[in-house]
PDB file of all heavy atoms in Angstrom:
ATOM      1  N   PHE A   1      -5.751 -24.031   0.311  1.00  0.00           N
ATOM      2  CA  PHE A   1      -6.611 -22.966   0.806  1.00  0.00           C
ATOM      3  C   PHE A   1      -5.790 -21.912   1.551  1.00  0.00           C
ATOM      4  O   PHE A   1      -4.781 -22.211   2.173  1.00  0.00           O
ATOM      5  CB  PHE A   1      -7.641 -23.510   1.799  1.00  0.00           C
ATOM      6  CG  PHE A   1      -8.775 -24.292   1.189  1.00  0.00           C
ATOM      7  CD1 PHE A   1      -9.740 -24.876   1.996  1.00  0.00           C
ATOM      8  CD2 PHE A   1      -8.894 -24.456  -0.180  1.00  0.00           C
ATOM      9  CE1 PHE A   1     -10.793 -25.585   1.462  1.00  0.00           C
ATOM     10  CE2 PHE A   1      -9.942 -25.171  -0.726  1.00  0.00           C
ATOM     11  CZ  PHE A   1     -10.895 -25.736   0.100  1.00  0.00           C
ATOM     12  N   SER A   2      -6.281 -20.681   1.536  1.00  0.00           N
ATOM     13  CA  SER A   2      -5.820 -19.643   2.455  1.00  0.00           C
ATOM     14  C   SER A   2      -7.049 -18.872   2.934  1.00  0.00           C
ATOM     15  O   SER A   2      -8.045 -18.773   2.211  1.00  0.00           O
ATOM     16  CB  SER A   2      -4.816 -18.703   1.792  1.00  0.00           C
ATOM     17  OG  SER A   2      -5.414 -17.989   0.723  1.00  0.00           O
ATOM     18  N   PHE A   3      -6.966 -18.340   4.160  1.00  0.00           N
ATOM     19  CA  PHE A   3      -8.125 -17.722   4.802  1.00  0.00           C
ATOM     20  C   PHE A   3      -7.795 -16.300   5.227  1.00  0.00           C
ATOM     21  O   PHE A   3      -6.755 -16.046   5.837  1.00  0.00           O
ATOM     22  CB  PHE A   3      -8.556 -18.543   6.019  1.00  0.00           C
ATOM     23  CG  PHE A   3      -9.074 -19.905   5.676  1.00  0.00           C
ATOM     24  CD1 PHE A   3      -8.194 -20.953   5.433  1.00  0.00           C
ATOM     25  CD2 PHE A   3     -10.432 -20.143   5.579  1.00  0.00           C
ATOM     26  CE1 PHE A   3      -8.659 -22.211   5.104  1.00  0.00           C
ATOM     27  CE2 PHE A   3     -10.908 -21.398   5.254  1.00  0.00           C
ATOM     28  CZ  PHE A   3     -10.024 -22.437   5.010  1.00  0.00           C
ATOM     29  N   GLU A   4      -8.707 -15.405   4.924  1.00  0.00           N
ATOM     30  CA  GLU A   4      -8.535 -13.995   5.263  1.00  0.00           C
ATOM     31  C   GLU A   4      -9.776 -13.518   6.019  1.00  0.00           C
ATOM     32  O   GLU A   4     -10.884 -13.528   5.473  1.00  0.00           O
ATOM     33  CB  GLU A   4      -8.358 -13.180   3.981  1.00  0.00           C
ATOM     34  CG  GLU A   4      -8.185 -11.699   4.195  1.00  0.00           C
ATOM     35  CD  GLU A   4      -8.130 -10.945   2.873  1.00  0.00           C
ATOM     36  OE1 GLU A   4      -7.753 -11.554   1.847  1.00  0.00           O
ATOM     37  OE2 GLU A   4      -8.473  -9.751   2.869  1.00  0.00           O
ATOM     38  N   PRO A   5      -9.631 -13.120   7.288  1.00  0.00           N
ATOM     39  CA  PRO A   5     -10.801 -12.645   8.041  1.00  0.00           C
ATOM     40  C   PRO A   5     -11.427 -11.423   7.373  1.00  0.00           C
ATOM     41  O   PRO A   5     -10.718 -10.557   6.858  1.00  0.00           O
ATOM     42  CB  PRO A   5     -10.222 -12.275   9.415  1.00  0.00           C
ATOM     43  CG  PRO A   5      -8.882 -12.918   9.470  1.00  0.00           C
ATOM     44  CD  PRO A   5      -8.388 -13.027   8.063  1.00  0.00           C
ATOM     45  N   VAL A   6     -12.740 -11.372   7.375  1.00  0.00           N
ATOM     46  CA  VAL A   6     -13.439 -10.212   6.812  1.00  0.00           C
ATOM     47  C   VAL A   6     -14.436  -9.692   7.840  1.00  0.00           C
ATOM     48  O   VAL A   6     -15.010 -10.454   8.618  1.00  0.00           O
ATOM     49  CB  VAL A   6     -14.159 -10.552   5.488  1.00  0.00           C
ATOM     50  CG1 VAL A   6     -13.165 -10.990   4.432  1.00  0.00           C
ATOM     51  CG2 VAL A   6     -15.227 -11.619   5.686  1.00  0.00           C
ATOM     52  N   THR A   7     -14.630  -8.402   7.826  1.00  0.00           N
ATOM     53  CA  THR A   7     -15.583  -7.770   8.743  1.00  0.00           C
ATOM     54  C   THR A   7     -16.573  -6.885   7.999  1.00  0.00           C
ATOM     55  O   THR A   7     -17.329  -6.144   8.629  1.00  0.00           O
ATOM     56  CB  THR A   7     -14.830  -6.922   9.788  1.00  0.00           C
ATOM     57  OG1 THR A   7     -14.013  -5.957   9.105  1.00  0.00           O
ATOM     58  CG2 THR A   7     -13.949  -7.791  10.673  1.00  0.00           C
ATOM     59  N   ASP A   8     -16.568  -6.987   6.672  1.00  0.00           N
ATOM     60  CA  ASP A   8     -17.422  -6.107   5.879  1.00  0.00           C
ATOM     61  C   ASP A   8     -18.706  -6.792   5.424  1.00  0.00           C
ATOM     62  O   ASP A   8     -19.296  -6.420   4.417  1.00  0.00           O
ATOM     63  CB  ASP A   8     -16.655  -5.560   4.668  1.00  0.00           C
ATOM     64  CG  ASP A   8     -16.060  -6.662   3.798  1.00  0.00           C
ATOM     65  OD1 ASP A   8     -16.044  -7.829   4.235  1.00  0.00           O
ATOM     66  OD2 ASP A   8     -15.618  -6.355   2.669  1.00  0.00           O
ATOM     67  N   VAL A   9     -19.131  -7.832   6.183  1.00  0.00           N
ATOM     68  CA  VAL A   9     -20.396  -8.502   5.866  1.00  0.00           C
ATOM     69  C   VAL A   9     -21.238  -8.567   7.137  1.00  0.00           C
ATOM     70  O   VAL A   9     -20.697  -8.682   8.246  1.00  0.00           O
ATOM     71  CB  VAL A   9     -20.169  -9.919   5.308  1.00  0.00           C
ATOM     72  CG1 VAL A   9     -19.335  -9.873   4.035  1.00  0.00           C
ATOM     73  CG2 VAL A   9     -19.526 -10.837   6.328  1.00  0.00           C
ATOM     74  N   PRO A  10     -22.566  -8.491   7.011  1.00  0.00           N
ATOM     75  CA  PRO A  10     -23.420  -8.603   8.200  1.00  0.00           C
ATOM     76  C   PRO A  10     -23.400 -10.030   8.742  1.00  0.00           C
ATOM     77  O   PRO A  10     -23.227 -10.989   7.986  1.00  0.00           O
ATOM     78  CB  PRO A  10     -24.818  -8.246   7.679  1.00  0.00           C
ATOM     79  CG  PRO A  10     -24.669  -7.851   6.266  1.00  0.00           C
ATOM     80  CD  PRO A  10     -23.330  -8.276   5.783  1.00  0.00           C
ATOM     81  N   VAL A  11     -23.579 -10.177  10.043  1.00  0.00           N
ATOM     82  CA  VAL A  11     -23.708 -11.489  10.674  1.00  0.00           C
ATOM     83  C   VAL A  11     -24.988 -11.486  11.506  1.00  0.00           C
ATOM     84  O   VAL A  11     -25.508 -10.431  11.859  1.00  0.00           O
ATOM     85  CB  VAL A  11     -22.490 -11.833  11.551  1.00  0.00           C
ATOM     86  CG1 VAL A  11     -21.246 -12.013  10.690  1.00  0.00           C
ATOM     87  CG2 VAL A  11     -22.248 -10.768  12.614  1.00  0.00           C
ATOM     88  N   TYR A  12     -25.485 -12.688  11.816  1.00  0.00           N
ATOM     89  CA  TYR A  12     -26.763 -12.773  12.529  1.00  0.00           C
ATOM     90  C   TYR A  12     -26.587 -12.795  14.052  1.00  0.00           C
ATOM     91  O   TYR A  12     -27.558 -12.713  14.803  1.00  0.00           O
ATOM     92  CB  TYR A  12     -27.566 -13.998  12.078  1.00  0.00           C
ATOM     93  CG  TYR A  12     -26.836 -15.312  12.206  1.00  0.00           C
ATOM     94  CD1 TYR A  12     -26.802 -16.008  13.409  1.00  0.00           C
ATOM     95  CD2 TYR A  12     -26.188 -15.877  11.120  1.00  0.00           C
ATOM     96  CE1 TYR A  12     -26.139 -17.207  13.528  1.00  0.00           C
ATOM     97  CE2 TYR A  12     -25.526 -17.085  11.224  1.00  0.00           C
ATOM     98  CZ  TYR A  12     -25.508 -17.747  12.437  1.00  0.00           C
ATOM     99  OH  TYR A  12     -24.843 -18.951  12.547  1.00  0.00           O
ATOM    100  N   HIS A  13     -25.322 -12.935  14.523  1.00  0.00           N
ATOM    101  CA  HIS A  13     -25.035 -12.903  15.959  1.00  0.00           C
ATOM    102  C   HIS A  13     -23.597 -12.459  16.141  1.00  0.00           C
ATOM    103  O   HIS A  13     -22.736 -12.750  15.307  1.00  0.00           O
ATOM    104  CB  HIS A  13     -25.258 -14.291  16.580  1.00  0.00           C
ATOM    105  CG  HIS A  13     -25.231 -14.293  18.079  1.00  0.00           C
ATOM    106  ND1 HIS A  13     -24.064 -14.358  18.804  1.00  0.00           N
ATOM    107  CD2 HIS A  13     -26.237 -14.241  18.992  1.00  0.00           C
ATOM    108  CE1 HIS A  13     -24.351 -14.339  20.100  1.00  0.00           C
ATOM    109  NE2 HIS A  13     -25.657 -14.271  20.241  1.00  0.00           N
ATOM    110  N   GLU A  14     -23.341 -11.793  17.228  1.00  0.00           N
ATOM    111  CA  GLU A  14     -21.997 -11.246  17.453  1.00  0.00           C
ATOM    112  C   GLU A  14     -20.921 -12.334  17.543  1.00  0.00           C
ATOM    113  O   GLU A  14     -19.730 -12.055  17.345  1.00  0.00           O
ATOM    114  CB  GLU A  14     -21.982 -10.411  18.734  1.00  0.00           C
ATOM    115  CG  GLU A  14     -22.317 -11.201  19.987  1.00  0.00           C
ATOM    116  CD  GLU A  14     -22.347 -10.341  21.242  1.00  0.00           C
ATOM    117  OE1 GLU A  14     -22.272  -9.110  21.119  1.00  0.00           O
ATOM    118  OE2 GLU A  14     -22.459 -10.916  22.346  1.00  0.00           O
ATOM    119  N   ASP A  15     -21.299 -13.568  17.839  1.00  0.00           N
ATOM    120  CA  ASP A  15     -20.324 -14.658  17.938  1.00  0.00           C
ATOM    121  C   ASP A  15     -19.825 -15.139  16.574  1.00  0.00           C
ATOM    122  O   ASP A  15     -18.818 -15.846  16.496  1.00  0.00           O
ATOM    123  CB  ASP A  15     -20.935 -15.864  18.664  1.00  0.00           C
ATOM    124  CG  ASP A  15     -21.112 -15.621  20.154  1.00  0.00           C
ATOM    125  OD1 ASP A  15     -20.451 -14.713  20.689  1.00  0.00           O
ATOM    126  OD2 ASP A  15     -21.916 -16.343  20.780  1.00  0.00           O
ATOM    127  N   VAL A  16     -20.538 -14.807  15.513  1.00  0.00           N
ATOM    128  CA  VAL A  16     -20.209 -15.338  14.189  1.00  0.00           C
ATOM    129  C   VAL A  16     -19.016 -14.607  13.590  1.00  0.00           C
ATOM    130  O   VAL A  16     -18.967 -13.372  13.580  1.00  0.00           O
ATOM    131  CB  VAL A  16     -21.423 -15.226  13.240  1.00  0.00           C
ATOM    132  CG1 VAL A  16     -21.065 -15.753  11.845  1.00  0.00           C
ATOM    133  CG2 VAL A  16     -22.611 -15.999  13.810  1.00  0.00           C
ATOM    134  N   ARG A  17     -18.051 -15.391  13.089  1.00  0.00           N
ATOM    135  CA  ARG A  17     -16.895 -14.833  12.387  1.00  0.00           C
ATOM    136  C   ARG A  17     -16.904 -15.314  10.940  1.00  0.00           C
ATOM    137  O   ARG A  17     -17.459 -16.373  10.630  1.00  0.00           O
ATOM    138  CB  ARG A  17     -15.590 -15.269  13.072  1.00  0.00           C
ATOM    139  CG  ARG A  17     -15.387 -14.632  14.443  1.00  0.00           C
ATOM    140  CD  ARG A  17     -14.116 -15.134  15.103  1.00  0.00           C
ATOM    141  NE  ARG A  17     -14.278 -16.493  15.614  1.00  0.00           N
ATOM    142  CZ  ARG A  17     -13.267 -17.265  16.026  1.00  0.00           C
ATOM    143  NH1 ARG A  17     -12.023 -16.815  15.950  1.00  0.00           N
ATOM    144  NH2 ARG A  17     -13.500 -18.474  16.492  1.00  0.00           N
ATOM    145  N   VAL A  18     -16.287 -14.520  10.064  1.00  0.00           N
ATOM    146  CA  VAL A  18     -16.346 -14.803   8.629  1.00  0.00           C
ATOM    147  C   VAL A  18     -14.948 -14.693   8.028  1.00  0.00           C
ATOM    148  O   VAL A  18     -14.175 -13.795   8.395  1.00  0.00           O
ATOM    149  CB  VAL A  18     -17.302 -13.827   7.904  1.00  0.00           C
ATOM    150  CG1 VAL A  18     -17.490 -14.249   6.441  1.00  0.00           C
ATOM    151  CG2 VAL A  18     -18.653 -13.736   8.620  1.00  0.00           C
ATOM    152  N   TRP A  19     -14.648 -15.612   7.107  1.00  0.00           N
ATOM    153  CA  TRP A  19     -13.372 -15.587   6.384  1.00  0.00           C
ATOM    154  C   TRP A  19     -13.615 -15.678   4.882  1.00  0.00           C
ATOM    155  O   TRP A  19     -14.530 -16.393   4.429  1.00  0.00           O
ATOM    156  CB  TRP A  19     -12.495 -16.769   6.778  1.00  0.00           C
ATOM    157  CG  TRP A  19     -11.885 -16.705   8.135  1.00  0.00           C
ATOM    158  CD1 TRP A  19     -10.644 -16.265   8.467  1.00  0.00           C
ATOM    159  CD2 TRP A  19     -12.485 -17.131   9.378  1.00  0.00           C
ATOM    160  NE1 TRP A  19     -10.423 -16.382   9.814  1.00  0.00           N
ATOM    161  CE2 TRP A  19     -11.534 -16.911  10.401  1.00  0.00           C
ATOM    162  CE3 TRP A  19     -13.739 -17.668   9.713  1.00  0.00           C
ATOM    163  CZ2 TRP A  19     -11.794 -17.220  11.732  1.00  0.00           C
ATOM    164  CZ3 TRP A  19     -14.004 -17.967  11.032  1.00  0.00           C
ATOM    165  CH2 TRP A  19     -13.038 -17.744  12.033  1.00  0.00           C
ATOM    166  N   LYS A  20     -12.802 -14.982   4.135  1.00  0.00           N
ATOM    167  CA  LYS A  20     -12.733 -15.159   2.689  1.00  0.00           C
ATOM    168  C   LYS A  20     -11.776 -16.315   2.427  1.00  0.00           C
ATOM    169  O   LYS A  20     -10.689 -16.373   2.994  1.00  0.00           O
ATOM    170  CB  LYS A  20     -12.229 -13.874   2.018  1.00  0.00           C
ATOM    171  CG  LYS A  20     -12.177 -13.953   0.504  1.00  0.00           C
ATOM    172  CD  LYS A  20     -11.897 -12.591  -0.125  1.00  0.00           C
ATOM    173  CE  LYS A  20     -10.466 -12.182   0.034  1.00  0.00           C
ATOM    174  NZ  LYS A  20     -10.113 -10.980  -0.763  1.00  0.00           N
ATOM    175  N   VAL A  21     -12.178 -17.225   1.554  1.00  0.00           N
ATOM    176  CA  VAL A  21     -11.370 -18.410   1.271  1.00  0.00           C
ATOM    177  C   VAL A  21     -10.806 -18.303  -0.142  1.00  0.00           C
ATOM    178  O   VAL A  21     -11.558 -18.087  -1.106  1.00  0.00           O
ATOM    179  CB  VAL A  21     -12.200 -19.706   1.401  1.00  0.00           C
ATOM    180  CG1 VAL A  21     -11.288 -20.926   1.279  1.00  0.00           C
ATOM    181  CG2 VAL A  21     -12.961 -19.729   2.721  1.00  0.00           C
ATOM    182  N   ASN A  22      -9.490 -18.438  -0.252  1.00  0.00           N
ATOM    183  CA  ASN A  22      -8.807 -18.371  -1.544  1.00  0.00           C
ATOM    184  C   ASN A  22      -8.140 -19.703  -1.855  1.00  0.00           C
ATOM    185  O   ASN A  22      -7.745 -20.443  -0.956  1.00  0.00           O
ATOM    186  CB  ASN A  22      -7.747 -17.273  -1.537  1.00  0.00           C
ATOM    187  CG  ASN A  22      -8.334 -15.902  -1.283  1.00  0.00           C
ATOM    188  OD1 ASN A  22      -9.192 -15.440  -2.023  1.00  0.00           O
ATOM    189  ND2 ASN A  22      -7.889 -15.253  -0.219  1.00  0.00           N
ATOM    190  N   ARG A  23      -7.991 -19.964  -3.154  1.00  0.00           N
ATOM    191  CA  ARG A  23      -7.256 -21.150  -3.604  1.00  0.00           C
ATOM    192  C   ARG A  23      -6.608 -20.828  -4.943  1.00  0.00           C
ATOM    193  O   ARG A  23      -7.282 -20.311  -5.845  1.00  0.00           O
ATOM    194  CB  ARG A  23      -8.197 -22.363  -3.741  1.00  0.00           C
ATOM    195  CG  ARG A  23      -7.485 -23.664  -4.094  1.00  0.00           C
ATOM    196  CD  ARG A  23      -8.444 -24.848  -3.975  1.00  0.00           C
ATOM    197  NE  ARG A  23      -7.750 -26.113  -4.147  1.00  0.00           N
ATOM    198  CZ  ARG A  23      -7.845 -26.885  -5.223  1.00  0.00           C
ATOM    199  NH1 ARG A  23      -8.632 -26.529  -6.240  1.00  0.00           N
ATOM    200  NH2 ARG A  23      -7.160 -28.011  -5.293  1.00  0.00           N
ATOM    201  N   ALA A  24      -5.324 -21.120  -5.055  1.00  0.00           N
ATOM    202  CA  ALA A  24      -4.571 -20.851  -6.286  1.00  0.00           C
ATOM    203  C   ALA A  24      -4.710 -19.390  -6.707  1.00  0.00           C
ATOM    204  O   ALA A  24      -4.899 -19.074  -7.886  1.00  0.00           O
ATOM    205  CB  ALA A  24      -5.048 -21.776  -7.404  1.00  0.00           C
ATOM    206  N   GLY A  25      -4.665 -18.494  -5.710  1.00  0.00           N
ATOM    207  CA  GLY A  25      -4.717 -17.070  -5.993  1.00  0.00           C
ATOM    208  C   GLY A  25      -6.076 -16.532  -6.365  1.00  0.00           C
ATOM    209  O   GLY A  25      -6.202 -15.389  -6.802  1.00  0.00           O
ATOM    210  N   LYS A  26      -7.125 -17.334  -6.150  1.00  0.00           N
ATOM    211  CA  LYS A  26      -8.468 -16.934  -6.558  1.00  0.00           C
ATOM    212  C   LYS A  26      -9.448 -17.193  -5.419  1.00  0.00           C
ATOM    213  O   LYS A  26      -9.393 -18.227  -4.763  1.00  0.00           O
ATOM    214  CB  LYS A  26      -8.883 -17.738  -7.800  1.00  0.00           C
ATOM    215  CG  LYS A  26     -10.262 -17.440  -8.321  1.00  0.00           C
ATOM    216  CD  LYS A  26     -10.573 -18.330  -9.528  1.00  0.00           C
ATOM    217  CE  LYS A  26     -11.980 -18.097 -10.044  1.00  0.00           C
ATOM    218  NZ  LYS A  26     -12.315 -19.014 -11.164  1.00  0.00           N
TER     219      LYS A  26
END
């Protein structure tokens, strides 16, 4: 796995953080 933080999605509370998850380049 590799993780990339994203900020281009809505969240339901300011505490929520989101990452895009990749595996084998996908």
